[in-house]
Amino acid sequence: METSKLLVYLDTPGITGDLRMRQQTRRPRTARRVAGFTLLELLVVIVIIGLLAGYVGPKYFAQLGKSEVKVARAQIDAFEKALDTYRLDVGKYPTTEQGLAALQTRPENEPKWAGPYLKKSIPLDPWGHPYQYRSPGERGDVDIFSYGKDGQPGGEGENQDIGNWN
């Protein structure tokens, strides 16, 4: 903090016409305002940020859950197309025991297999669980599905089963 020196001329009583000089130091008036934000200002900003996070946060995480469901549906659709190609080559869908792995590696006793039918390895669902496969399926020729976020059959919302039937 800088101080400035001022010369002040004082009229001293008792000495007529004589001016005395005195040095006086004073601080600039703006030094207190430059120091920073007050506690009240900081609290107001923190409350505003908290309100925004409380409003935006749930909407953001709801979209995140919806995107995971969309990814699962897209992967199931890709598996279904690869299985159709497999069926055209081999003449039938892989058995439940052969599973989706038959799209990557040749099953035993399948001379017409012309795979691999997927460019990459078979991924886990967006929640880290393996996809389920049944042939013959309960809802179609084959059932390809994920148990959803909870990894258990049934459920609602993000925990709902996602399959090639819905």
C-alpha atoms as a PDB file:
ATOM      1  CA  MET A   1       0.000   0.000   0.000  1.00  0.00           C
ATOM      2  CA  GLU A   2       1.408   3.367  -0.985  1.00  0.00           C
ATOM      3  CA  THR A   3       1.144   6.495   1.063  1.00  0.00           C
ATOM      4  CA  SER A   4       1.492  10.031  -0.188  1.00  0.00           C
ATOM      5  CA  LYS A   5       2.971  12.947   1.683  1.00  0.00           C
ATOM      6  CA  LEU A   6       1.137  16.227   1.790  1.00  0.00           C
ATOM      7  CA  LEU A   7       2.301  19.563   2.941  1.00  0.00           C
ATOM      8  CA  VAL A   8      -0.267  21.258   5.101  1.00  0.00           C
ATOM      9  CA  TYR A   9      -0.035  24.911   6.050  1.00  0.00           C
ATOM     10  CA  LEU A  10      -1.477  25.612   9.419  1.00  0.00           C
ATOM     11  CA  ASP A  11      -2.365  28.879  11.004  1.00  0.00           C
ATOM     12  CA  THR A  12      -1.307  28.549  14.572  1.00  0.00           C
ATOM     13  CA  PRO A  13      -3.246  30.625  17.019  1.00  0.00           C
ATOM     14  CA  GLY A  14      -1.178  33.165  18.853  1.00  0.00           C
ATOM     15  CA  ILE A  15       1.261  33.665  16.063  1.00  0.00           C
ATOM     16  CA  THR A  16      -0.229  36.129  13.691  1.00  0.00           C
ATOM     17  CA  GLY A  17       0.554  35.933  10.068  1.00  0.00           C
ATOM     18  CA  ASP A  18       2.995  33.117  10.633  1.00  0.00           C
ATOM     19  CA  LEU A  19       2.324  29.953   8.769  1.00  0.00           C
ATOM     20  CA  ARG A  20       3.830  26.734   9.917  1.00  0.00           C
ATOM     21  CA  MET A  21       4.454  23.829   7.655  1.00  0.00           C
ATOM     22  CA  ARG A  22       3.811  20.263   8.723  1.00  0.00           C
ATOM     23  CA  GLN A  23       4.172  17.000   6.838  1.00  0.00           C
ATOM     24  CA  GLN A  24       1.199  14.670   6.927  1.00  0.00           C
ATOM     25  CA  THR A  25       0.887  11.186   5.504  1.00  0.00           C
ATOM     26  CA  ARG A  26      -2.402   9.812   4.309  1.00  0.00           C
ATOM     27  CA  ARG A  27      -3.539   6.659   2.608  1.00  0.00           C
ATOM     28  CA  PRO A  28      -5.370   6.744  -0.685  1.00  0.00           C
ATOM     29  CA  ARG A  29      -9.122   6.405  -0.226  1.00  0.00           C
ATOM     30  CA  THR A  30      -9.442   3.627  -2.810  1.00  0.00           C
ATOM     31  CA  ALA A  31      -7.016   1.226  -1.091  1.00  0.00           C
ATOM     32  CA  ARG A  32      -9.787  -0.469   0.876  1.00  0.00           C
ATOM     33  CA  ARG A  33     -11.948  -1.200  -2.198  1.00  0.00           C
ATOM     34  CA  VAL A  34      -9.104  -2.736  -4.207  1.00  0.00           C
ATOM     35  CA  ALA A  35      -8.363  -5.407  -1.592  1.00  0.00           C
ATOM     36  CA  GLY A  36     -10.835  -7.998  -3.022  1.00  0.00           C
ATOM     37  CA  PHE A  37     -14.368  -9.330  -2.775  1.00  0.00           C
ATOM     38  CA  THR A  38     -16.384  -9.247   0.392  1.00  0.00           C
ATOM     39  CA  LEU A  39     -17.627 -12.416   2.036  1.00  0.00           C
ATOM     40  CA  LEU A  40     -21.192 -11.531   1.109  1.00  0.00           C
ATOM     41  CA  GLU A  41     -20.311 -11.206  -2.583  1.00  0.00           C
ATOM     42  CA  LEU A  42     -18.592 -14.595  -2.539  1.00  0.00           C
ATOM     43  CA  LEU A  43     -21.578 -16.232  -0.825  1.00  0.00           C
ATOM     44  CA  VAL A  44     -23.986 -14.788  -3.400  1.00  0.00           C
ATOM     45  CA  VAL A  45     -21.865 -16.177  -6.259  1.00  0.00           C
ATOM     46  CA  ILE A  46     -21.661 -19.614  -4.583  1.00  0.00           C
ATOM     47  CA  VAL A  47     -25.454 -19.695  -4.107  1.00  0.00           C
ATOM     48  CA  ILE A  48     -26.019 -18.801  -7.772  1.00  0.00           C
ATOM     49  CA  ILE A  49     -23.626 -21.536  -8.930  1.00  0.00           C
ATOM     50  CA  GLY A  50     -25.358 -24.021  -6.631  1.00  0.00           C
ATOM     51  CA  LEU A  51     -28.777 -23.132  -8.035  1.00  0.00           C
ATOM     52  CA  LEU A  52     -27.543 -23.532 -11.603  1.00  0.00           C
ATOM     53  CA  ALA A  53     -25.943 -26.901 -10.813  1.00  0.00           C
ATOM     54  CA  GLY A  54     -29.151 -28.059  -9.136  1.00  0.00           C
ATOM     55  CA  TYR A  55     -31.159 -27.131 -12.212  1.00  0.00           C
ATOM     56  CA  VAL A  56     -28.799 -28.312 -14.974  1.00  0.00           C
ATOM     57  CA  GLY A  57     -27.299 -31.391 -13.279  1.00  0.00           C
ATOM     58  CA  PRO A  58     -30.389 -33.653 -13.291  1.00  0.00           C
ATOM     59  CA  LYS A  59     -31.177 -32.770 -16.901  1.00  0.00           C
ATOM     60  CA  TYR A  60     -27.608 -33.597 -17.951  1.00  0.00           C
ATOM     61  CA  PHE A  61     -27.563 -36.959 -16.201  1.00  0.00           C
ATOM     62  CA  ALA A  62     -30.990 -37.881 -17.601  1.00  0.00           C
ATOM     63  CA  GLN A  63     -29.607 -37.329 -21.103  1.00  0.00           C
ATOM     64  CA  LEU A  64     -26.600 -39.485 -20.255  1.00  0.00           C
ATOM     65  CA  GLY A  65     -28.907 -42.388 -19.338  1.00  0.00           C
ATOM     66  CA  LYS A  66     -30.871 -41.974 -22.568  1.00  0.00           C
ATOM     67  CA  SER A  67     -27.691 -42.046 -24.625  1.00  0.00           C
ATOM     68  CA  GLU A  68     -26.611 -45.350 -23.039  1.00  0.00           C
ATOM     69  CA  VAL A  69     -29.953 -46.879 -24.045  1.00  0.00           C
ATOM     70  CA  LYS A  70     -29.463 -45.581 -27.601  1.00  0.00           C
ATOM     71  CA  VAL A  71     -25.968 -47.116 -27.754  1.00  0.00           C
ATOM     72  CA  ALA A  72     -27.344 -50.484 -26.593  1.00  0.00           C
ATOM     73  CA  ARG A  73     -30.075 -50.378 -29.250  1.00  0.00           C
ATOM     74  CA  ALA A  74     -27.530 -49.527 -31.970  1.00  0.00           C
ATOM     75  CA  GLN A  75     -25.229 -52.389 -30.922  1.00  0.00           C
ATOM     76  CA  ILE A  76     -28.127 -54.862 -30.838  1.00  0.00           C
ATOM     77  CA  ASP A  77     -29.123 -53.709 -34.323  1.00  0.00           C
ATOM     78  CA  ALA A  78     -25.555 -54.299 -35.555  1.00  0.00           C
ATOM     79  CA  PHE A  79     -25.567 -57.804 -34.036  1.00  0.00           C
ATOM     80  CA  GLU A  80     -28.882 -58.534 -35.718  1.00  0.00           C
ATOM     81  CA  LYS A  81     -27.528 -57.524 -39.139  1.00  0.00           C
ATOM     82  CA  ALA A  82     -24.387 -59.608 -38.627  1.00  0.00           C
ATOM     83  CA  LEU A  83     -26.538 -62.599 -37.590  1.00  0.00           C
ATOM     84  CA  ASP A  84     -28.630 -62.211 -40.747  1.00  0.00           C
ATOM     85  CA  THR A  85     -25.445 -62.336 -42.833  1.00  0.00           C
ATOM     86  CA  TYR A  86     -24.311 -65.403 -40.875  1.00  0.00           C
ATOM     87  CA  ARG A  87     -27.665 -67.082 -41.572  1.00  0.00           C
ATOM     88  CA  LEU A  88     -27.372 -66.333 -45.301  1.00  0.00           C
ATOM     89  CA  ASP A  89     -23.910 -67.955 -45.403  1.00  0.00           C
ATOM     90  CA  VAL A  90     -24.451 -70.918 -43.073  1.00  0.00           C
ATOM     91  CA  GLY A  91     -28.172 -71.484 -43.541  1.00  0.00           C
ATOM     92  CA  LYS A  92     -29.171 -71.091 -39.884  1.00  0.00           C
ATOM     93  CA  TYR A  93     -28.549 -68.868 -36.888  1.00  0.00           C
ATOM     94  CA  PRO A  94     -25.892 -69.859 -34.345  1.00  0.00           C
ATOM     95  CA  THR A  95     -27.207 -71.896 -31.427  1.00  0.00           C
ATOM     96  CA  THR A  96     -27.574 -70.412 -27.966  1.00  0.00           C
ATOM     97  CA  GLU A  97     -24.471 -72.342 -26.900  1.00  0.00           C
ATOM     98  CA  GLN A  98     -22.423 -70.915 -29.788  1.00  0.00           C
ATOM     99  CA  GLY A  99     -23.747 -67.469 -28.941  1.00  0.00           C
ATOM    100  CA  LEU A 100     -22.572 -64.203 -30.445  1.00  0.00           C
ATOM    101  CA  ALA A 101     -19.008 -65.554 -30.431  1.00  0.00           C
ATOM    102  CA  ALA A 102     -19.950 -67.421 -33.638  1.00  0.00           C
ATOM    103  CA  LEU A 103     -19.851 -64.033 -35.373  1.00  0.00           C
ATOM    104  CA  GLN A 104     -16.130 -63.734 -34.602  1.00  0.00           C
ATOM    105  CA  THR A 105     -14.768 -67.292 -34.657  1.00  0.00           C
ATOM    106  CA  ARG A 106     -15.769 -70.264 -36.762  1.00  0.00           C
ATOM    107  CA  PRO A 107     -17.942 -72.714 -34.850  1.00  0.00           C
ATOM    108  CA  GLU A 108     -17.065 -76.404 -35.155  1.00  0.00           C
ATOM    109  CA  ASN A 109     -18.779 -78.235 -38.029  1.00  0.00           C
ATOM    110  CA  GLU A 110     -19.705 -75.062 -39.936  1.00  0.00           C
ATOM    111  CA  PRO A 111     -17.892 -75.355 -43.298  1.00  0.00           C
ATOM    112  CA  LYS A 112     -19.901 -72.535 -44.926  1.00  0.00           C
ATOM    113  CA  TRP A 113     -18.874 -69.975 -42.291  1.00  0.00           C
ATOM    114  CA  ALA A 114     -17.409 -66.935 -44.114  1.00  0.00           C
ATOM    115  CA  GLY A 115     -16.754 -64.610 -41.183  1.00  0.00           C
ATOM    116  CA  PRO A 116     -15.815 -62.824 -39.157  1.00  0.00           C
ATOM    117  CA  TYR A 117     -19.103 -60.988 -39.402  1.00  0.00           C
ATOM    118  CA  LEU A 118     -18.124 -58.153 -37.093  1.00  0.00           C
ATOM    119  CA  LYS A 119     -15.086 -55.908 -37.609  1.00  0.00           C
ATOM    120  CA  LYS A 120     -14.378 -55.626 -33.883  1.00  0.00           C
ATOM    121  CA  SER A 121     -14.759 -57.958 -30.944  1.00  0.00           C
ATOM    122  CA  ILE A 122     -18.158 -58.284 -29.307  1.00  0.00           C
ATOM    123  CA  PRO A 123     -18.497 -55.385 -26.854  1.00  0.00           C
ATOM    124  CA  LEU A 124     -20.141 -55.375 -23.469  1.00  0.00           C
ATOM    125  CA  ASP A 125     -23.334 -53.379 -23.123  1.00  0.00           C
ATOM    126  CA  PRO A 126     -22.954 -49.714 -22.048  1.00  0.00           C
ATOM    127  CA  TRP A 127     -23.231 -50.763 -18.379  1.00  0.00           C
ATOM    128  CA  GLY A 128     -20.440 -53.344 -18.575  1.00  0.00           C
ATOM    129  CA  HIS A 129     -22.585 -56.503 -18.817  1.00  0.00           C
ATOM    130  CA  PRO A 130     -22.416 -59.072 -21.633  1.00  0.00           C
ATOM    131  CA  TYR A 131     -25.214 -59.122 -24.192  1.00  0.00           C
ATOM    132  CA  GLN A 132     -27.571 -62.097 -24.016  1.00  0.00           C
ATOM    133  CA  TYR A 133     -28.374 -64.282 -27.019  1.00  0.00           C
ATOM    134  CA  ARG A 134     -31.020 -66.987 -27.508  1.00  0.00           C
ATOM    135  CA  SER A 135     -31.717 -69.095 -30.559  1.00  0.00           C
ATOM    136  CA  PRO A 136     -34.478 -69.952 -31.076  1.00  0.00           C
ATOM    137  CA  GLY A 137     -35.770 -66.856 -29.380  1.00  0.00           C
ATOM    138  CA  GLU A 138     -38.913 -66.430 -27.321  1.00  0.00           C
ATOM    139  CA  ARG A 139     -39.942 -63.320 -29.263  1.00  0.00           C
ATOM    140  CA  GLY A 140     -38.521 -64.025 -32.719  1.00  0.00           C
ATOM    141  CA  ASP A 141     -36.058 -66.240 -34.585  1.00  0.00           C
ATOM    142  CA  VAL A 142     -33.333 -64.979 -32.236  1.00  0.00           C
ATOM    143  CA  ASP A 143     -33.359 -62.815 -29.127  1.00  0.00           C
ATOM    144  CA  ILE A 144     -30.470 -60.413 -28.569  1.00  0.00           C
ATOM    145  CA  PHE A 145     -30.816 -58.317 -25.444  1.00  0.00           C
ATOM    146  CA  SER A 146     -29.260 -56.503 -22.522  1.00  0.00           C
ATOM    147  CA  TYR A 147     -30.660 -56.604 -19.010  1.00  0.00           C
ATOM    148  CA  GLY A 148     -30.140 -52.833 -18.716  1.00  0.00           C
ATOM    149  CA  LYS A 149     -28.299 -50.855 -16.085  1.00  0.00           C
ATOM    150  CA  ASP A 150     -29.041 -53.201 -13.169  1.00  0.00           C
ATOM    151  CA  GLY A 151     -28.021 -56.372 -15.063  1.00  0.00           C
ATOM    152  CA  GLN A 152     -31.189 -58.144 -13.859  1.00  0.00           C
ATOM    153  CA  PRO A 153     -34.230 -59.320 -15.857  1.00  0.00           C
ATOM    154  CA  GLY A 154     -37.141 -56.870 -15.951  1.00  0.00           C
ATOM    155  CA  GLY A 155     -37.071 -53.390 -14.532  1.00  0.00           C
ATOM    156  CA  GLU A 156     -38.186 -49.940 -15.564  1.00  0.00           C
ATOM    157  CA  GLY A 157     -36.444 -46.875 -16.995  1.00  0.00           C
ATOM    158  CA  GLU A 158     -32.694 -47.451 -17.376  1.00  0.00           C
ATOM    159  CA  ASN A 159     -33.065 -50.874 -15.710  1.00  0.00           C
ATOM    160  CA  GLN A 160     -35.507 -52.064 -18.378  1.00  0.00           C
ATOM    161  CA  ASP A 161     -34.417 -54.909 -20.652  1.00  0.00           C
ATOM    162  CA  ILE A 162     -33.405 -53.705 -24.121  1.00  0.00           C
ATOM    163  CA  GLY A 163     -33.714 -56.185 -26.969  1.00  0.00           C
ATOM    164  CA  ASN A 164     -34.255 -56.634 -30.674  1.00  0.00           C
ATOM    165  CA  TRP A 165     -38.009 -56.876 -30.015  1.00  0.00           C
ATOM    166  CA  ASN A 166     -38.488 -53.325 -28.678  1.00  0.00           C
END
